[in-house]
C-alpha atoms as a PDB file:
ATOM      1  CA  MET A   1     -30.480 -21.916  80.055  1.00  0.00           C
ATOM      2  CA  ARG A   2     -26.717 -22.986  80.502  1.00  0.00           C
ATOM      3  CA  ASN A   3     -26.675 -23.079  76.791  1.00  0.00           C
ATOM      4  CA  ILE A   4     -28.459 -20.321  75.642  1.00  0.00           C
ATOM      5  CA  MET A   5     -26.561 -18.168  78.019  1.00  0.00           C
ATOM      6  CA  LYS A   6     -23.424 -18.749  75.922  1.00  0.00           C
ATOM      7  CA  ASN A   7     -25.138 -18.294  73.009  1.00  0.00           C
ATOM      8  CA  PHE A   8     -26.258 -14.760  73.898  1.00  0.00           C
ATOM      9  CA  LYS A   9     -22.842 -13.591  75.219  1.00  0.00           C
ATOM     10  CA  ILE A  10     -21.359 -14.948  71.999  1.00  0.00           C
ATOM     11  CA  LEU A  11     -23.218 -13.246  69.660  1.00  0.00           C
ATOM     12  CA  LEU A  12     -23.586 -10.154  72.169  1.00  0.00           C
ATOM     13  CA  LEU A  13     -19.803 -10.405  71.943  1.00  0.00           C
ATOM     14  CA  ALA A  14     -19.768 -10.792  67.753  1.00  0.00           C
ATOM     15  CA  LEU A  15     -22.007  -7.983  67.550  1.00  0.00           C
ATOM     16  CA  VAL A  16     -20.034  -5.549  69.213  1.00  0.00           C
ATOM     17  CA  GLY A  17     -16.564  -6.710  67.787  1.00  0.00           C
ATOM     18  CA  TYR A  18     -18.545  -5.852  64.109  1.00  0.00           C
ATOM     19  CA  LEU A  19     -19.693  -2.438  65.733  1.00  0.00           C
ATOM     20  CA  THR A  20     -16.547  -1.377  66.358  1.00  0.00           C
ATOM     21  CA  VAL A  21     -14.690  -2.431  63.647  1.00  0.00           C
ATOM     22  CA  SER A  22     -17.398  -0.794  61.086  1.00  0.00           C
ATOM     23  CA  CYS A  23     -17.600   2.409  63.609  1.00  0.00           C
ATOM     24  CA  SER A  24     -14.074   2.802  62.905  1.00  0.00           C
ATOM     25  CA  LEU A  25     -13.577   2.871  59.638  1.00  0.00           C
ATOM     26  CA  ASN A  26     -13.206   6.183  58.119  1.00  0.00           C
ATOM     27  CA  TYR A  27     -14.525   6.520  54.582  1.00  0.00           C
ATOM     28  CA  ASP A  28     -13.032  10.072  53.644  1.00  0.00           C
ATOM     29  CA  ASP A  29      -9.604   8.914  53.753  1.00  0.00           C
ATOM     30  CA  GLU A  30     -11.131   6.214  51.324  1.00  0.00           C
ATOM     31  CA  ILE A  31      -9.066   6.083  47.687  1.00  0.00           C
ATOM     32  CA  PHE A  32     -10.973   7.068  44.636  1.00  0.00           C
ATOM     33  CA  VAL A  33      -9.948   7.929  41.063  1.00  0.00           C
ATOM     34  CA  SER A  34     -12.530   6.664  38.531  1.00  0.00           C
ATOM     35  CA  ASP A  35     -12.199   9.961  37.737  1.00  0.00           C
ATOM     36  CA  PHE A  36      -8.895  10.699  37.921  1.00  0.00           C
ATOM     37  CA  GLN A  37      -7.579   7.528  36.543  1.00  0.00           C
ATOM     38  CA  GLY A  38      -4.857   7.946  33.678  1.00  0.00           C
ATOM     39  CA  GLU A  39      -2.128   9.684  31.809  1.00  0.00           C
ATOM     40  CA  TRP A  40      -1.208  13.578  32.531  1.00  0.00           C
ATOM     41  CA  ILE A  41       1.030  15.816  31.994  1.00  0.00           C
ATOM     42  CA  GLY A  42       2.011  19.871  33.077  1.00  0.00           C
ATOM     43  CA  THR A  43       4.240  22.118  33.887  1.00  0.00           C
ATOM     44  CA  TYR A  44       5.686  23.913  36.853  1.00  0.00           C
ATOM     45  CA  SER A  45       7.342  27.691  37.638  1.00  0.00           C
ATOM     46  CA  GLY A  46       8.783  30.134  39.908  1.00  0.00           C
ATOM     47  CA  SER A  47      11.714  31.803  40.503  1.00  0.00           C
ATOM     48  CA  ALA A  48      13.861  28.823  42.084  1.00  0.00           C
ATOM     49  CA  ASP A  49      13.228  26.518  38.567  1.00  0.00           C
ATOM     50  CA  LYS A  50      10.816  25.471  36.071  1.00  0.00           C
ATOM     51  CA  GLY A  51      10.002  22.333  34.235  1.00  0.00           C
ATOM     52  CA  ILE A  52       7.829  19.859  33.549  1.00  0.00           C
ATOM     53  CA  TRP A  53       6.485  16.789  34.592  1.00  0.00           C
ATOM     54  CA  ALA A  54       4.234  13.964  33.984  1.00  0.00           C
ATOM     55  CA  MET A  55       2.302  11.252  35.761  1.00  0.00           C
ATOM     56  CA  GLU A  56       0.269   8.170  35.891  1.00  0.00           C
ATOM     57  CA  ILE A  57      -2.855   7.434  38.093  1.00  0.00           C
ATOM     58  CA  GLN A  58      -3.232   4.197  39.158  1.00  0.00           C
ATOM     59  CA  ALA A  59      -6.813   2.428  39.676  1.00  0.00           C
ATOM     60  CA  ASN A  60      -5.711   2.104  43.309  1.00  0.00           C
ATOM     61  CA  GLY A  61      -4.938   6.023  43.164  1.00  0.00           C
ATOM     62  CA  ASP A  62      -1.439   5.323  43.836  1.00  0.00           C
ATOM     63  CA  VAL A  63       0.717   8.290  41.474  1.00  0.00           C
ATOM     64  CA  ILE A  64       3.531   7.100  39.794  1.00  0.00           C
ATOM     65  CA  GLY A  65       5.372  10.037  37.913  1.00  0.00           C
ATOM     66  CA  SER A  66       8.375  12.175  36.664  1.00  0.00           C
ATOM     67  CA  VAL A  67       9.422  15.463  36.884  1.00  0.00           C
ATOM     68  CA  THR A  68      12.127  17.083  34.886  1.00  0.00           C
ATOM     69  CA  SER A  69      13.877  20.199  35.894  1.00  0.00           C
ATOM     70  CA  GLU A  70      14.758  23.062  32.908  1.00  0.00           C
ATOM     71  CA  LEU A  71      17.448  23.995  34.685  1.00  0.00           C
ATOM     72  CA  SER A  72      19.478  20.840  35.638  1.00  0.00           C
ATOM     73  CA  LYS A  73      17.689  18.858  33.116  1.00  0.00           C
ATOM     74  CA  ASP A  74      17.858  16.467  35.708  1.00  0.00           C
ATOM     75  CA  THR A  75      14.753  14.056  35.786  1.00  0.00           C
ATOM     76  CA  TYR A  76      13.415  12.703  39.288  1.00  0.00           C
ATOM     77  CA  GLU A  77      10.489  10.209  39.803  1.00  0.00           C
ATOM     78  CA  PHE A  78       7.731  11.395  42.430  1.00  0.00           C
ATOM     79  CA  TYR A  79       4.848   9.189  43.923  1.00  0.00           C
ATOM     80  CA  GLY A  80       1.999  10.202  45.595  1.00  0.00           C
ATOM     81  CA  THR A  81      -1.871   9.466  45.768  1.00  0.00           C
ATOM     82  CA  VAL A  82      -4.869  10.806  44.576  1.00  0.00           C
ATOM     83  CA  LYS A  83      -7.892  10.963  47.299  1.00  0.00           C
ATOM     84  CA  LYS A  84     -11.434  11.138  46.998  1.00  0.00           C
ATOM     85  CA  ASN A  85     -12.430  14.667  46.588  1.00  0.00           C
ATOM     86  CA  GLY A  86      -9.756  14.988  44.487  1.00  0.00           C
ATOM     87  CA  ASN A  87      -6.364  16.458  47.038  1.00  0.00           C
ATOM     88  CA  ILE A  88      -3.342  15.411  45.478  1.00  0.00           C
ATOM     89  CA  SER A  89      -0.268  14.544  46.907  1.00  0.00           C
ATOM     90  CA  GLU A  90       3.346  13.744  45.699  1.00  0.00           C
ATOM     91  CA  ILE A  91       7.107  13.856  47.326  1.00  0.00           C
ATOM     92  CA  THR A  92      10.461  13.571  44.986  1.00  0.00           C
ATOM     93  CA  GLY A  93      14.004  12.253  46.467  1.00  0.00           C
ATOM     94  CA  THR A  94      14.410  13.155  50.778  1.00  0.00           C
ATOM     95  CA  SER A  95      13.793  15.736  52.785  1.00  0.00           C
ATOM     96  CA  THR A  96      16.880  17.427  52.238  1.00  0.00           C
ATOM     97  CA  ASN A  97      17.598  17.391  48.311  1.00  0.00           C
ATOM     98  CA  GLY A  98      13.838  16.262  47.331  1.00  0.00           C
ATOM     99  CA  ALA A  99      10.292  18.272  46.458  1.00  0.00           C
ATOM    100  CA  SER A 100       6.906  18.008  47.242  1.00  0.00           C
ATOM    101  CA  PHE A 101       3.630  18.969  45.219  1.00  0.00           C
ATOM    102  CA  ILE A 102       0.138  19.479  47.269  1.00  0.00           C
ATOM    103  CA  GLY A 103      -2.450  20.665  45.076  1.00  0.00           C
ATOM    104  CA  LYS A 104      -6.489  19.834  43.809  1.00  0.00           C
ATOM    105  CA  MET A 105      -7.987  17.681  41.052  1.00  0.00           C
ATOM    106  CA  SER A 106     -10.739  18.741  39.098  1.00  0.00           C
ATOM    107  CA  GLY A 107     -12.220  17.437  35.692  1.00  0.00           C
ATOM    108  CA  ASN A 108      -9.420  17.481  33.685  1.00  0.00           C
ATOM    109  CA  THR A 109      -6.957  19.970  35.190  1.00  0.00           C
ATOM    110  CA  THR A 110      -4.818  19.951  38.539  1.00  0.00           C
ATOM    111  CA  GLU A 111      -2.856  22.611  39.889  1.00  0.00           C
ATOM    112  CA  GLY A 112      -1.166  23.220  43.659  1.00  0.00           C
ATOM    113  CA  ILE A 113       1.894  24.616  44.660  1.00  0.00           C
ATOM    114  CA  TRP A 114       5.505  22.716  44.122  1.00  0.00           C
ATOM    115  CA  THR A 115       7.766  23.146  47.465  1.00  0.00           C
ATOM    116  CA  VAL A 116      11.341  22.366  47.563  1.00  0.00           C
ATOM    117  CA  GLY A 117      13.008  20.764  50.092  1.00  0.00           C
ATOM    118  CA  TYR A 118      13.821  22.294  53.549  1.00  0.00           C
ATOM    119  CA  SER A 119      14.447  25.592  51.799  1.00  0.00           C
ATOM    120  CA  GLY A 120      10.778  26.419  51.645  1.00  0.00           C
ATOM    121  CA  LEU A 121      11.286  27.540  47.648  1.00  0.00           C
ATOM    122  CA  LYS A 122       8.058  27.515  45.978  1.00  0.00           C
ATOM    123  CA  SER A 123       6.654  27.249  42.619  1.00  0.00           C
ATOM    124  CA  GLU A 124       3.001  26.971  41.129  1.00  0.00           C
ATOM    125  CA  TRP A 125       2.307  23.712  38.684  1.00  0.00           C
ATOM    126  CA  SER A 126      -0.705  22.888  36.724  1.00  0.00           C
ATOM    127  CA  GLY A 127      -1.112  20.250  33.901  1.00  0.00           C
ATOM    128  CA  ARG A 128      -4.291  18.272  31.861  1.00  0.00           C
ATOM    129  CA  ARG A 129      -5.175  15.420  31.095  1.00  0.00           C
ATOM    130  CA  LYS A 130      -3.492  13.746  28.075  1.00  0.00           C
END
């Protein structure tokens, strides 16, 4: 009888542990890229600057790319992610002298807002699958 109770407690503990872990997973935040994986190109423009960008979306949802300013002729790398729902976010540089862009991908197009560092200057960006 003692072994049965011991085995029951172990089984119950394992079940509670399994349920705790499986219920805490957030599938809404999973990265899904089969629709977005590949090379993308586009432009950005606004009152502060304008230029071109290119990026590659990896199989795991990671984004790596570059943006070239038409004004300064400088090129900067950026990194980010694409989520299952097509939301995309990238950042380049630092919070004081960098920029970020947030947007949405759908099919073969993407668009969003580009924000320059802490200054808050914004411009629009858009692009397409290469």
